[in-house]
N, C-alpha and C. Protein backbone atom coordinates (compact mmCIF):
# COMPACT_ATOMS: atom_id res chain seq x y z
N UNK A 1 -17.03 4.96 -28.31
CA UNK A 1 -18.27 4.37 -27.82
C UNK A 1 -17.93 2.97 -27.27
N UNK A 2 -18.26 2.65 -26.03
CA UNK A 2 -18.00 1.43 -25.39
C UNK A 2 -18.90 0.32 -25.95
N UNK A 3 -18.34 -0.96 -26.16
CA UNK A 3 -19.28 -2.03 -26.54
C UNK A 3 -19.75 -2.61 -25.28
N UNK A 4 -20.61 -3.59 -25.38
CA UNK A 4 -21.31 -4.15 -24.19
C UNK A 4 -20.29 -4.75 -23.22
N UNK A 5 -19.28 -5.57 -23.71
CA UNK A 5 -18.36 -6.17 -22.80
C UNK A 5 -17.56 -5.17 -22.07
N UNK A 6 -17.13 -4.13 -22.78
CA UNK A 6 -16.36 -3.08 -22.17
C UNK A 6 -17.13 -2.27 -21.08
N UNK A 7 -18.39 -2.13 -21.42
CA UNK A 7 -19.29 -1.34 -20.46
C UNK A 7 -19.52 -2.20 -19.20
N UNK A 8 -19.66 -3.56 -19.39
CA UNK A 8 -19.75 -4.41 -18.14
C UNK A 8 -18.57 -4.36 -17.39
N UNK A 9 -17.35 -4.51 -18.03
CA UNK A 9 -16.03 -4.50 -17.31
C UNK A 9 -15.84 -3.17 -16.56
N UNK A 10 -16.16 -2.05 -17.28
CA UNK A 10 -16.04 -0.80 -16.55
C UNK A 10 -17.00 -0.69 -15.33
N UNK A 11 -18.22 -1.19 -15.46
CA UNK A 11 -19.14 -1.17 -14.28
C UNK A 11 -18.72 -2.02 -13.24
N UNK A 12 -18.06 -3.14 -13.52
CA UNK A 12 -17.52 -4.09 -12.44
C UNK A 12 -16.41 -3.37 -11.72
N UNK A 13 -15.51 -2.67 -12.44
CA UNK A 13 -14.44 -2.00 -11.81
C UNK A 13 -14.97 -0.89 -10.90
N UNK A 14 -16.04 -0.18 -11.33
CA UNK A 14 -16.66 0.85 -10.46
C UNK A 14 -17.25 0.22 -9.28
N UNK A 15 -17.92 -0.99 -9.31
CA UNK A 15 -18.51 -1.63 -8.13
C UNK A 15 -17.34 -1.99 -7.22
N UNK A 16 -16.26 -2.58 -7.72
CA UNK A 16 -15.20 -3.03 -6.88
C UNK A 16 -14.61 -1.81 -6.14
N UNK A 17 -14.47 -0.70 -6.82
CA UNK A 17 -13.82 0.41 -6.20
C UNK A 17 -14.76 1.02 -5.13
N UNK A 18 -16.09 0.96 -5.41
CA UNK A 18 -17.02 1.46 -4.37
C UNK A 18 -16.96 0.48 -3.16
N UNK A 19 -16.98 -0.73 -3.33
CA UNK A 19 -16.85 -1.71 -2.26
C UNK A 19 -15.63 -1.47 -1.44
N UNK A 20 -14.48 -1.26 -2.08
CA UNK A 20 -13.20 -1.05 -1.44
C UNK A 20 -13.32 0.29 -0.56
N UNK A 21 -13.92 1.30 -1.13
CA UNK A 21 -14.04 2.57 -0.43
C UNK A 21 -14.90 2.39 0.81
N UNK A 22 -16.01 1.60 0.74
CA UNK A 22 -16.93 1.34 1.85
C UNK A 22 -16.07 0.68 2.94
N UNK A 23 -15.30 -0.42 2.61
CA UNK A 23 -14.53 -1.16 3.51
C UNK A 23 -13.49 -0.21 4.15
N UNK A 24 -12.87 0.64 3.42
CA UNK A 24 -11.89 1.57 4.01
C UNK A 24 -12.54 2.49 4.99
N UNK A 25 -13.72 3.04 4.67
CA UNK A 25 -14.42 3.87 5.66
C UNK A 25 -14.75 3.15 6.93
N UNK A 26 -15.25 1.84 6.86
CA UNK A 26 -15.53 1.03 7.96
C UNK A 26 -14.27 0.74 8.83
N UNK A 27 -13.20 0.43 8.14
CA UNK A 27 -11.96 0.26 8.86
C UNK A 27 -11.45 1.58 9.52
N UNK A 28 -11.66 2.64 8.86
CA UNK A 28 -11.26 3.95 9.39
C UNK A 28 -12.02 4.28 10.66
N UNK A 29 -13.31 3.96 10.64
CA UNK A 29 -14.17 4.18 11.80
C UNK A 29 -13.70 3.30 12.93
N UNK A 30 -13.35 2.09 12.68
CA UNK A 30 -12.91 1.12 13.71
C UNK A 30 -11.58 1.61 14.33
N UNK A 31 -10.62 2.07 13.50
CA UNK A 31 -9.33 2.52 13.93
C UNK A 31 -9.56 3.75 14.90
N UNK A 32 -10.29 4.67 14.44
CA UNK A 32 -10.47 5.98 15.12
C UNK A 32 -11.30 5.71 16.48
N UNK A 33 -11.96 4.67 16.52
CA UNK A 33 -12.73 4.27 17.71
C UNK A 33 -11.95 3.30 18.58
N UNK A 34 -10.74 2.91 18.13
CA UNK A 34 -9.93 1.94 18.93
C UNK A 34 -10.53 0.60 18.83
N UNK A 35 -11.18 0.19 17.77
CA UNK A 35 -11.89 -1.14 17.82
C UNK A 35 -11.45 -2.00 16.63
N UNK A 36 -10.37 -1.59 15.93
CA UNK A 36 -9.88 -2.47 14.82
C UNK A 36 -9.18 -3.70 15.46
N UNK A 37 -9.62 -4.91 14.95
CA UNK A 37 -9.02 -6.10 15.43
C UNK A 37 -7.85 -6.50 14.57
N UNK A 38 -6.68 -6.65 15.27
CA UNK A 38 -5.48 -7.23 14.59
C UNK A 38 -5.28 -8.70 14.97
N UNK A 39 -5.44 -9.62 14.03
CA UNK A 39 -5.15 -10.98 14.34
C UNK A 39 -3.81 -11.33 13.85
N UNK A 40 -2.83 -11.29 14.86
CA UNK A 40 -1.41 -11.28 14.50
C UNK A 40 -0.92 -12.74 14.44
N UNK A 41 -0.08 -12.95 13.47
CA UNK A 41 0.63 -14.25 13.30
C UNK A 41 1.93 -14.02 12.56
N UNK A 42 2.85 -14.93 12.61
CA UNK A 42 4.11 -14.78 11.78
C UNK A 42 3.73 -14.76 10.31
N UNK A 43 4.17 -13.77 9.53
CA UNK A 43 3.79 -13.63 8.18
C UNK A 43 5.02 -13.46 7.25
N UNK A 44 5.04 -14.20 6.19
CA UNK A 44 6.01 -13.92 5.14
C UNK A 44 5.45 -12.83 4.25
N UNK A 45 6.08 -11.62 4.32
CA UNK A 45 5.59 -10.50 3.56
C UNK A 45 5.61 -10.72 2.08
N UNK A 46 6.54 -11.51 1.62
CA UNK A 46 6.67 -11.78 0.17
C UNK A 46 5.36 -12.58 -0.34
N UNK A 47 4.80 -13.40 0.52
CA UNK A 47 3.61 -14.09 0.18
C UNK A 47 2.41 -13.10 0.06
N UNK A 48 2.38 -12.15 1.05
CA UNK A 48 1.32 -11.16 1.03
C UNK A 48 1.40 -10.35 -0.22
N UNK A 49 2.62 -9.85 -0.59
CA UNK A 49 2.84 -9.03 -1.81
C UNK A 49 2.46 -9.85 -3.01
N UNK A 50 2.85 -11.16 -3.10
CA UNK A 50 2.50 -11.92 -4.25
C UNK A 50 1.10 -12.09 -4.49
N UNK A 51 0.29 -12.12 -3.44
CA UNK A 51 -1.19 -12.16 -3.61
C UNK A 51 -1.71 -10.80 -4.02
N UNK A 52 -1.16 -9.74 -3.54
CA UNK A 52 -1.50 -8.38 -4.00
C UNK A 52 -1.14 -8.20 -5.52
N UNK A 53 -0.04 -8.78 -5.90
CA UNK A 53 0.33 -8.65 -7.31
C UNK A 53 -0.61 -9.42 -8.21
N UNK A 54 -1.06 -10.55 -7.78
CA UNK A 54 -2.03 -11.31 -8.57
C UNK A 54 -3.31 -10.50 -8.82
N UNK A 55 -3.65 -9.71 -7.87
CA UNK A 55 -4.92 -8.91 -7.98
C UNK A 55 -4.79 -7.70 -9.00
N UNK A 56 -3.58 -7.34 -9.38
CA UNK A 56 -3.41 -6.31 -10.30
C UNK A 56 -2.88 -6.84 -11.65
N UNK A 57 -2.59 -8.11 -11.73
CA UNK A 57 -1.95 -8.67 -12.93
C UNK A 57 -2.69 -8.43 -14.20
N UNK A 58 -4.01 -8.64 -14.18
CA UNK A 58 -4.78 -8.51 -15.43
C UNK A 58 -4.80 -7.07 -15.94
N UNK A 59 -4.97 -6.09 -15.04
CA UNK A 59 -5.11 -4.71 -15.35
C UNK A 59 -3.69 -4.22 -15.82
N UNK A 60 -2.61 -4.68 -15.19
CA UNK A 60 -1.25 -4.30 -15.59
C UNK A 60 -0.95 -4.77 -17.07
N UNK A 61 -1.37 -6.01 -17.37
CA UNK A 61 -1.17 -6.50 -18.74
C UNK A 61 -1.97 -5.63 -19.69
N UNK A 62 -3.23 -5.35 -19.33
CA UNK A 62 -4.06 -4.53 -20.24
C UNK A 62 -3.48 -3.25 -20.52
N UNK A 63 -2.75 -2.63 -19.53
CA UNK A 63 -2.15 -1.28 -19.76
C UNK A 63 -0.77 -1.36 -20.24
N UNK A 64 -0.19 -2.60 -20.42
CA UNK A 64 1.15 -2.73 -20.94
C UNK A 64 2.20 -2.33 -19.91
N UNK A 65 1.84 -2.36 -18.60
CA UNK A 65 2.75 -1.95 -17.55
C UNK A 65 3.54 -3.17 -17.06
N UNK A 66 4.86 -3.12 -17.07
CA UNK A 66 5.60 -4.23 -16.55
C UNK A 66 5.78 -4.11 -15.11
N UNK A 67 5.62 -5.27 -14.38
CA UNK A 67 5.64 -5.26 -12.93
C UNK A 67 6.72 -6.29 -12.45
N UNK A 68 7.73 -5.83 -11.85
CA UNK A 68 8.86 -6.66 -11.44
C UNK A 68 9.01 -6.68 -9.95
N UNK A 69 9.11 -7.82 -9.36
CA UNK A 69 9.23 -8.00 -7.87
C UNK A 69 10.62 -8.66 -7.50
N UNK A 70 11.40 -8.19 -6.67
CA UNK A 70 12.67 -8.83 -6.24
C UNK A 70 12.72 -8.86 -4.68
N UNK A 71 12.90 -10.01 -4.13
CA UNK A 71 12.87 -10.30 -2.71
C UNK A 71 14.22 -10.85 -2.35
N UNK A 72 14.83 -10.20 -1.28
CA UNK A 72 16.08 -10.75 -0.78
C UNK A 72 15.89 -12.12 -0.19
N UNK A 73 16.85 -13.04 -0.23
CA UNK A 73 16.62 -14.45 0.21
C UNK A 73 16.56 -14.55 1.74
N UNK A 74 17.01 -13.53 2.48
CA UNK A 74 17.02 -13.65 3.95
C UNK A 74 15.97 -12.87 4.63
N UNK A 75 14.79 -12.65 3.99
CA UNK A 75 13.76 -11.90 4.55
C UNK A 75 13.22 -12.46 5.82
N UNK A 76 13.12 -11.66 6.91
CA UNK A 76 12.49 -12.27 8.15
C UNK A 76 11.03 -12.21 8.06
N UNK A 77 10.33 -13.00 8.86
CA UNK A 77 8.88 -12.87 8.97
C UNK A 77 8.61 -11.73 9.88
N UNK A 78 7.35 -11.20 9.78
CA UNK A 78 6.85 -10.16 10.69
C UNK A 78 5.65 -10.71 11.45
N UNK A 79 5.41 -10.13 12.61
CA UNK A 79 4.21 -10.49 13.36
C UNK A 79 3.18 -9.52 12.89
N UNK A 80 2.21 -10.05 12.16
CA UNK A 80 1.24 -9.08 11.55
C UNK A 80 -0.10 -9.72 11.25
N UNK A 81 -1.11 -8.92 11.01
CA UNK A 81 -2.36 -9.40 10.54
C UNK A 81 -2.28 -9.44 9.00
N UNK A 82 -2.31 -10.65 8.45
CA UNK A 82 -2.06 -10.81 6.96
C UNK A 82 -3.11 -10.07 6.14
N UNK A 83 -4.36 -10.08 6.58
CA UNK A 83 -5.41 -9.44 5.79
C UNK A 83 -5.23 -7.92 5.73
N UNK A 84 -4.94 -7.33 6.94
CA UNK A 84 -4.72 -5.88 7.02
C UNK A 84 -3.44 -5.49 6.23
N UNK A 85 -2.35 -6.28 6.30
CA UNK A 85 -1.18 -6.10 5.59
C UNK A 85 -1.38 -6.14 4.09
N UNK A 86 -2.19 -7.10 3.70
CA UNK A 86 -2.47 -7.21 2.23
C UNK A 86 -3.23 -5.95 1.78
N UNK A 87 -4.17 -5.44 2.59
CA UNK A 87 -4.88 -4.24 2.26
C UNK A 87 -3.90 -3.08 2.05
N UNK A 88 -2.88 -3.05 2.76
CA UNK A 88 -1.79 -2.01 2.59
C UNK A 88 -1.18 -2.07 1.16
N UNK A 89 -0.74 -3.33 0.85
CA UNK A 89 -0.07 -3.44 -0.41
C UNK A 89 -1.04 -3.39 -1.55
N UNK A 90 -2.24 -3.99 -1.35
CA UNK A 90 -3.25 -3.72 -2.40
C UNK A 90 -3.40 -2.24 -2.79
N UNK A 91 -3.49 -1.45 -1.74
CA UNK A 91 -3.64 0.02 -1.91
C UNK A 91 -2.50 0.63 -2.67
N UNK A 92 -1.28 0.36 -2.17
CA UNK A 92 -0.03 0.89 -2.72
C UNK A 92 0.09 0.49 -4.18
N UNK A 93 -0.14 -0.79 -4.46
CA UNK A 93 0.12 -1.32 -5.83
C UNK A 93 -0.95 -0.79 -6.78
N UNK A 94 -2.26 -0.73 -6.29
CA UNK A 94 -3.26 -0.16 -7.17
C UNK A 94 -3.13 1.34 -7.51
N UNK A 95 -2.52 2.05 -6.49
CA UNK A 95 -2.18 3.46 -6.78
C UNK A 95 -1.03 3.50 -7.82
N UNK A 96 -0.04 2.70 -7.62
CA UNK A 96 1.06 2.70 -8.65
C UNK A 96 0.49 2.47 -10.00
N UNK A 97 -0.31 1.42 -10.12
CA UNK A 97 -0.89 1.12 -11.48
C UNK A 97 -1.79 2.20 -11.98
N UNK A 98 -2.55 2.80 -11.10
CA UNK A 98 -3.49 3.86 -11.48
C UNK A 98 -2.79 5.02 -12.14
N UNK A 99 -1.57 5.34 -11.59
CA UNK A 99 -0.94 6.61 -11.97
C UNK A 99 0.24 6.28 -13.06
N UNK A 100 0.44 5.02 -13.27
CA UNK A 100 1.60 4.71 -14.20
C UNK A 100 0.97 4.72 -15.60
N UNK A 101 1.53 5.35 -16.55
CA UNK A 101 1.01 5.41 -17.95
C UNK A 101 1.22 4.10 -18.65
N UNK A 102 0.44 3.88 -19.68
CA UNK A 102 0.61 2.65 -20.45
C UNK A 102 2.03 2.53 -20.97
N UNK A 103 2.59 1.26 -20.81
CA UNK A 103 3.98 1.03 -21.18
C UNK A 103 4.97 1.38 -20.13
N UNK A 104 4.50 1.80 -18.94
CA UNK A 104 5.37 2.17 -17.88
C UNK A 104 5.92 0.95 -17.07
N UNK A 105 6.50 1.26 -15.91
CA UNK A 105 7.05 0.19 -15.07
C UNK A 105 6.68 0.39 -13.62
N UNK A 106 6.51 -0.79 -12.88
CA UNK A 106 6.40 -0.73 -11.51
C UNK A 106 7.46 -1.80 -10.92
N UNK A 107 8.14 -1.41 -9.91
CA UNK A 107 9.18 -2.34 -9.36
C UNK A 107 8.97 -2.39 -7.75
N UNK A 108 9.00 -3.64 -7.35
CA UNK A 108 8.84 -3.93 -5.91
C UNK A 108 10.13 -4.54 -5.43
N UNK A 109 10.72 -4.03 -4.39
CA UNK A 109 11.90 -4.64 -3.80
C UNK A 109 11.73 -4.74 -2.30
N UNK A 110 12.29 -5.74 -1.77
CA UNK A 110 12.18 -6.03 -0.27
C UNK A 110 13.54 -6.58 0.27
N UNK A 111 13.97 -6.04 1.38
CA UNK A 111 15.21 -6.54 1.94
C UNK A 111 15.19 -6.32 3.50
N UNK A 112 16.14 -7.00 4.09
CA UNK A 112 16.23 -6.84 5.57
C UNK A 112 17.20 -5.70 5.88
N UNK A 113 16.93 -4.93 6.88
CA UNK A 113 17.89 -3.95 7.42
C UNK A 113 18.35 -4.40 8.73
N UNK A 114 19.64 -4.66 8.84
CA UNK A 114 20.25 -5.19 10.08
C UNK A 114 20.26 -4.07 11.16
N UNK A 115 19.90 -4.48 12.36
CA UNK A 115 19.96 -3.54 13.46
C UNK A 115 21.38 -3.20 13.85
N UNK A 116 21.60 -1.90 14.13
CA UNK A 116 22.93 -1.50 14.61
C UNK A 116 23.19 -1.65 16.03
N UNK A 117 22.18 -1.87 16.85
CA UNK A 117 22.38 -2.00 18.34
C UNK A 117 22.43 -3.41 18.72
N UNK A 118 22.98 -3.74 19.85
CA UNK A 118 23.10 -5.10 20.38
C UNK A 118 21.68 -5.67 20.70
N UNK A 119 20.82 -4.76 21.20
CA UNK A 119 19.40 -5.21 21.54
C UNK A 119 18.34 -4.70 20.55
N UNK A 120 18.82 -4.24 19.44
CA UNK A 120 17.93 -3.69 18.42
C UNK A 120 17.21 -4.80 17.69
N UNK A 121 16.18 -4.43 16.92
CA UNK A 121 15.38 -5.33 16.17
C UNK A 121 15.60 -5.11 14.65
N UNK A 122 15.91 -6.15 13.91
CA UNK A 122 16.03 -6.03 12.44
C UNK A 122 14.69 -5.49 11.88
N UNK A 123 14.75 -4.86 10.69
CA UNK A 123 13.64 -4.34 10.02
C UNK A 123 13.48 -4.87 8.61
N UNK A 124 12.28 -5.03 8.25
CA UNK A 124 11.94 -5.45 6.85
C UNK A 124 11.51 -4.25 6.11
N UNK A 125 12.10 -4.01 4.96
CA UNK A 125 11.77 -2.82 4.16
C UNK A 125 11.24 -3.28 2.83
N UNK A 126 10.03 -2.73 2.43
CA UNK A 126 9.38 -2.99 1.15
C UNK A 126 9.20 -1.66 0.44
N UNK A 127 9.71 -1.59 -0.79
CA UNK A 127 9.55 -0.40 -1.61
C UNK A 127 8.80 -0.70 -2.90
N UNK A 128 8.00 0.20 -3.34
CA UNK A 128 7.17 0.12 -4.47
C UNK A 128 7.38 1.44 -5.32
N UNK A 129 8.10 1.29 -6.47
CA UNK A 129 8.37 2.46 -7.32
C UNK A 129 7.61 2.32 -8.65
N UNK A 130 7.38 3.43 -9.24
CA UNK A 130 6.67 3.47 -10.46
C UNK A 130 7.19 4.63 -11.36
N UNK A 131 6.78 4.63 -12.56
CA UNK A 131 7.20 5.70 -13.56
C UNK A 131 6.01 6.61 -13.95
N UNK A 132 5.20 6.86 -12.97
CA UNK A 132 4.11 7.74 -13.13
C UNK A 132 4.49 9.23 -13.01
N UNK A 133 3.57 10.13 -12.88
CA UNK A 133 3.87 11.53 -12.88
C UNK A 133 4.57 12.04 -11.53
N UNK A 134 4.51 11.19 -10.55
CA UNK A 134 5.23 11.51 -9.29
C UNK A 134 4.42 12.41 -8.35
N UNK A 135 4.97 12.59 -7.13
CA UNK A 135 4.40 13.48 -6.16
C UNK A 135 5.33 14.64 -5.88
N UNK A 136 4.99 15.85 -6.14
CA UNK A 136 5.92 16.96 -5.75
C UNK A 136 6.35 16.88 -4.32
N UNK A 137 7.58 17.31 -4.16
CA UNK A 137 8.21 17.19 -2.86
C UNK A 137 7.44 17.66 -1.73
N UNK A 138 6.81 18.83 -1.85
CA UNK A 138 6.01 19.50 -0.81
C UNK A 138 4.79 18.79 -0.41
N UNK A 139 4.33 17.83 -1.20
CA UNK A 139 3.15 17.02 -0.84
C UNK A 139 3.41 15.60 -0.37
N UNK A 140 4.75 15.21 -0.37
CA UNK A 140 5.01 13.79 -0.13
C UNK A 140 4.69 13.31 1.25
N UNK A 141 4.67 14.12 2.25
CA UNK A 141 4.27 13.77 3.61
C UNK A 141 2.77 13.81 3.75
N UNK A 142 2.20 14.79 2.97
CA UNK A 142 0.72 15.07 3.13
C UNK A 142 -0.15 13.99 2.44
N UNK A 143 0.39 13.16 1.57
CA UNK A 143 -0.50 12.20 0.93
C UNK A 143 -0.99 11.13 1.86
N UNK A 144 -0.37 11.11 3.02
CA UNK A 144 -0.82 10.10 4.07
C UNK A 144 -1.85 10.80 5.00
N UNK A 145 -2.19 12.01 4.78
CA UNK A 145 -3.22 12.67 5.60
C UNK A 145 -4.61 12.27 5.13
N UNK A 146 -5.55 12.30 6.13
CA UNK A 146 -6.96 11.84 5.77
C UNK A 146 -7.55 12.92 4.80
N UNK A 147 -8.16 12.32 3.80
CA UNK A 147 -8.88 13.05 2.78
C UNK A 147 -8.06 13.92 1.87
N UNK A 148 -6.67 13.82 1.98
CA UNK A 148 -5.89 14.49 1.05
C UNK A 148 -5.89 13.98 -0.34
N UNK A 149 -6.14 14.77 -1.34
CA UNK A 149 -6.16 14.37 -2.71
C UNK A 149 -5.30 15.31 -3.52
N UNK A 150 -4.31 14.82 -4.20
CA UNK A 150 -3.28 15.57 -4.86
C UNK A 150 -3.94 16.43 -5.97
N UNK A 151 -4.97 15.82 -6.66
CA UNK A 151 -5.54 16.57 -7.79
C UNK A 151 -6.20 17.96 -7.37
N UNK A 152 -6.51 18.05 -6.09
CA UNK A 152 -7.01 19.33 -5.56
C UNK A 152 -5.95 20.42 -5.44
N UNK A 153 -4.71 20.02 -5.63
CA UNK A 153 -3.56 20.97 -5.44
C UNK A 153 -2.75 21.11 -6.77
N UNK A 154 -3.30 20.61 -7.89
CA UNK A 154 -2.59 20.68 -9.13
C UNK A 154 -3.60 21.18 -10.26
N UNK A 155 -3.03 21.97 -11.08
CA UNK A 155 -3.85 22.49 -12.17
C UNK A 155 -4.23 21.41 -13.14
N UNK A 156 -3.31 20.38 -13.33
CA UNK A 156 -3.56 19.25 -14.17
C UNK A 156 -3.48 17.98 -13.46
N UNK A 157 -4.34 17.03 -13.62
CA UNK A 157 -4.22 15.72 -13.03
C UNK A 157 -4.68 14.69 -14.10
N UNK A 158 -4.19 13.44 -13.90
CA UNK A 158 -4.49 12.45 -14.82
C UNK A 158 -6.00 12.18 -14.87
N UNK A 159 -6.60 12.09 -16.07
CA UNK A 159 -8.06 11.74 -16.13
C UNK A 159 -8.36 10.39 -15.55
N UNK A 160 -9.37 10.30 -14.75
CA UNK A 160 -9.78 9.01 -14.19
C UNK A 160 -9.09 8.72 -12.93
N UNK A 161 -7.99 9.39 -12.54
CA UNK A 161 -7.23 9.08 -11.36
C UNK A 161 -7.92 9.80 -10.18
N UNK A 162 -8.90 9.15 -9.60
CA UNK A 162 -9.62 9.75 -8.46
C UNK A 162 -9.66 8.78 -7.36
N UNK A 163 -9.97 9.27 -6.12
CA UNK A 163 -10.10 8.43 -4.96
C UNK A 163 -10.84 9.21 -3.89
N UNK A 164 -11.00 8.54 -2.78
CA UNK A 164 -11.69 9.22 -1.67
C UNK A 164 -10.75 9.89 -0.78
N UNK A 165 -9.46 9.69 -0.92
CA UNK A 165 -8.46 10.39 -0.07
C UNK A 165 -8.28 9.68 1.20
N UNK A 166 -8.60 8.41 1.39
CA UNK A 166 -8.39 7.77 2.70
C UNK A 166 -7.52 6.52 2.56
N UNK A 167 -7.22 6.08 1.27
CA UNK A 167 -6.41 4.90 1.14
C UNK A 167 -5.13 4.88 1.76
N UNK A 168 -4.29 5.95 1.47
CA UNK A 168 -2.91 6.00 2.07
C UNK A 168 -3.00 6.37 3.46
N UNK A 169 -3.99 7.12 3.86
CA UNK A 169 -4.17 7.39 5.31
C UNK A 169 -4.39 6.11 6.00
N UNK A 170 -5.13 5.20 5.48
CA UNK A 170 -5.45 3.95 6.11
C UNK A 170 -4.15 3.12 6.10
N UNK A 171 -3.41 3.17 5.02
CA UNK A 171 -2.13 2.43 5.04
C UNK A 171 -1.23 2.89 6.11
N UNK A 172 -1.13 4.23 6.35
CA UNK A 172 -0.29 4.73 7.48
C UNK A 172 -0.77 4.22 8.78
N UNK A 173 -2.07 4.26 8.96
CA UNK A 173 -2.63 3.80 10.26
C UNK A 173 -2.36 2.29 10.54
N UNK A 174 -2.51 1.51 9.51
CA UNK A 174 -2.29 0.02 9.63
C UNK A 174 -0.85 -0.23 9.88
N UNK A 175 0.02 0.36 9.11
CA UNK A 175 1.46 0.18 9.29
C UNK A 175 1.98 0.59 10.63
N UNK A 176 1.50 1.73 11.13
CA UNK A 176 1.92 2.23 12.43
C UNK A 176 1.35 1.29 13.48
N UNK A 177 0.22 0.73 13.38
CA UNK A 177 -0.34 -0.22 14.34
C UNK A 177 0.52 -1.45 14.49
N UNK A 178 1.22 -1.73 13.38
CA UNK A 178 2.10 -2.86 13.37
C UNK A 178 3.57 -2.43 13.87
N UNK A 179 3.73 -1.25 14.31
CA UNK A 179 5.06 -0.82 14.68
C UNK A 179 5.94 -0.33 13.63
N UNK A 180 5.37 -0.08 12.42
CA UNK A 180 6.21 0.28 11.26
C UNK A 180 6.06 1.74 10.89
N UNK A 181 6.65 2.06 9.68
CA UNK A 181 6.53 3.38 9.13
C UNK A 181 6.29 3.29 7.64
N UNK A 182 5.79 4.36 7.07
CA UNK A 182 5.56 4.40 5.62
C UNK A 182 6.01 5.83 5.20
N UNK A 183 6.61 5.91 4.00
CA UNK A 183 7.16 7.18 3.52
C UNK A 183 7.11 7.24 2.02
N UNK A 184 7.18 8.39 1.46
CA UNK A 184 7.01 8.71 0.05
C UNK A 184 8.24 9.44 -0.50
N UNK A 185 8.82 8.96 -1.60
CA UNK A 185 9.95 9.60 -2.28
C UNK A 185 9.70 9.66 -3.76
N UNK A 186 10.77 10.01 -4.54
CA UNK A 186 10.72 10.02 -5.97
C UNK A 186 10.88 8.53 -6.44
N UNK A 187 10.28 8.28 -7.65
CA UNK A 187 10.21 6.93 -8.12
C UNK A 187 11.39 6.41 -8.97
N UNK A 188 11.10 5.50 -9.86
CA UNK A 188 12.09 4.98 -10.69
C UNK A 188 12.80 6.02 -11.60
N UNK A 189 14.14 5.87 -11.67
CA UNK A 189 14.91 6.81 -12.54
C UNK A 189 14.60 8.24 -12.28
N UNK A 190 14.39 8.50 -10.94
CA UNK A 190 13.99 9.92 -10.41
C UNK A 190 12.68 10.37 -11.02
N UNK A 191 11.89 9.50 -11.48
CA UNK A 191 10.53 9.86 -11.85
C UNK A 191 9.53 9.08 -11.11
N UNK A 192 8.22 9.41 -11.19
CA UNK A 192 7.25 8.68 -10.55
C UNK A 192 7.20 8.74 -9.05
N UNK A 193 6.72 7.82 -8.41
CA UNK A 193 6.49 7.78 -6.95
C UNK A 193 7.16 6.56 -6.36
N UNK A 194 7.70 6.69 -5.12
CA UNK A 194 8.36 5.57 -4.47
C UNK A 194 7.85 5.50 -3.05
N UNK A 195 7.16 4.42 -2.75
CA UNK A 195 6.53 4.27 -1.40
C UNK A 195 7.28 3.15 -0.69
N UNK A 196 7.77 3.49 0.54
CA UNK A 196 8.55 2.52 1.28
C UNK A 196 7.80 2.21 2.60
N UNK A 197 7.65 0.98 2.87
CA UNK A 197 7.08 0.41 4.17
C UNK A 197 8.18 -0.29 4.93
N UNK A 198 8.32 0.08 6.18
CA UNK A 198 9.28 -0.65 6.99
C UNK A 198 8.48 -1.21 8.17
N UNK A 199 8.83 -2.48 8.53
CA UNK A 199 8.19 -3.20 9.59
C UNK A 199 9.25 -3.84 10.42
N UNK A 200 9.09 -3.85 11.80
CA UNK A 200 9.97 -4.60 12.59
C UNK A 200 9.89 -6.17 12.38
N UNK A 201 11.00 -6.77 12.39
CA UNK A 201 10.97 -8.24 12.24
C UNK A 201 10.29 -8.92 13.31
N UNK A 202 10.26 -8.35 14.49
CA UNK A 202 9.48 -8.94 15.70
C UNK A 202 8.82 -7.84 16.36
N UNK A 203 7.49 -8.00 16.68
CA UNK A 203 6.73 -7.05 17.36
C UNK A 203 6.34 -7.56 18.75
N UNK A 204 6.61 -6.86 19.79
CA UNK A 204 6.20 -7.23 21.16
C UNK A 204 4.67 -6.90 21.27
N UNK A 205 3.92 -7.88 21.49
CA UNK A 205 2.49 -7.77 21.46
C UNK A 205 2.04 -7.15 22.86
N UNK A 206 1.25 -6.13 22.85
CA UNK A 206 0.75 -5.52 24.03
C UNK A 206 -0.78 -5.47 23.96
N UNK A 207 -1.52 -5.58 25.08
CA UNK A 207 -2.91 -5.52 25.07
C UNK A 207 -3.44 -4.04 24.89
N UNK A 208 -2.46 -3.12 24.92
CA UNK A 208 -2.82 -1.69 24.88
C UNK A 208 -2.13 -1.06 23.65
N UNK A 209 -2.53 -1.41 22.47
CA UNK A 209 -2.03 -0.88 21.24
C UNK A 209 -3.01 0.20 20.83
N UNK A 210 -2.49 1.36 20.57
CA UNK A 210 -3.34 2.51 20.22
C UNK A 210 -4.21 2.25 18.91
N UNK A 211 -5.43 2.32 19.02
CA UNK A 211 -6.29 2.20 17.81
C UNK A 211 -6.67 0.80 17.42
N UNK A 212 -6.19 -0.19 18.21
CA UNK A 212 -6.52 -1.61 17.75
C UNK A 212 -6.61 -2.49 18.96
N UNK A 213 -7.40 -3.58 18.78
CA UNK A 213 -7.42 -4.67 19.68
C UNK A 213 -6.54 -5.77 19.04
N UNK A 214 -5.57 -6.30 19.79
CA UNK A 214 -4.64 -7.18 19.26
C UNK A 214 -4.93 -8.65 19.68
N UNK A 215 -4.93 -9.57 18.79
CA UNK A 215 -5.05 -11.00 19.06
C UNK A 215 -3.87 -11.69 18.41
N UNK A 216 -3.04 -12.37 19.24
CA UNK A 216 -1.83 -13.05 18.72
C UNK A 216 -2.12 -14.63 18.72
N UNK A 217 -2.01 -15.22 17.56
CA UNK A 217 -2.20 -16.63 17.50
C UNK A 217 -0.98 -17.39 17.70
């Protein structure tokens, strides 16, 4: 039986989740209508991730989940919309925490990938791994599809782990609008889930970016 403070806390979480879902649907509508505004500026991705980590810190401590972040010292900045980029890592980290059992681990790593060509562009890679139940190999590409929910394809799923099925789809859309890619693999110690986001260190801004209106400051 929940006491009053626990009931209030649970209700607040539900309100926040509902608000986030509404915002996701609004952004989804804008993307598919080609009306999403990207306000681009040079961004330190490590700072964006640090802000996203602060947003899950309390819940991670409550679950006894250890969260470790490691950033290479030579990380390049990326030309990005910091609010949209934070939404990507908010979603990825909240998913990792949602599916990681009490006492589990989440690890974030970021490093530069040097270009192999003379005129190539270096890439920034960010990976988020966890020790949750993981994603079966046959579904790892499908989790980025609109309205895909893994629990619909499994006999057993973790209680309370539910969503609208648009969070990772939104992540893919936003990452691709920034000229990057997102992928899913196996997580820590070959368990759990491992999400990797790659972004070009420099993006050539065009007035005709599919699905978005671009503003570069």
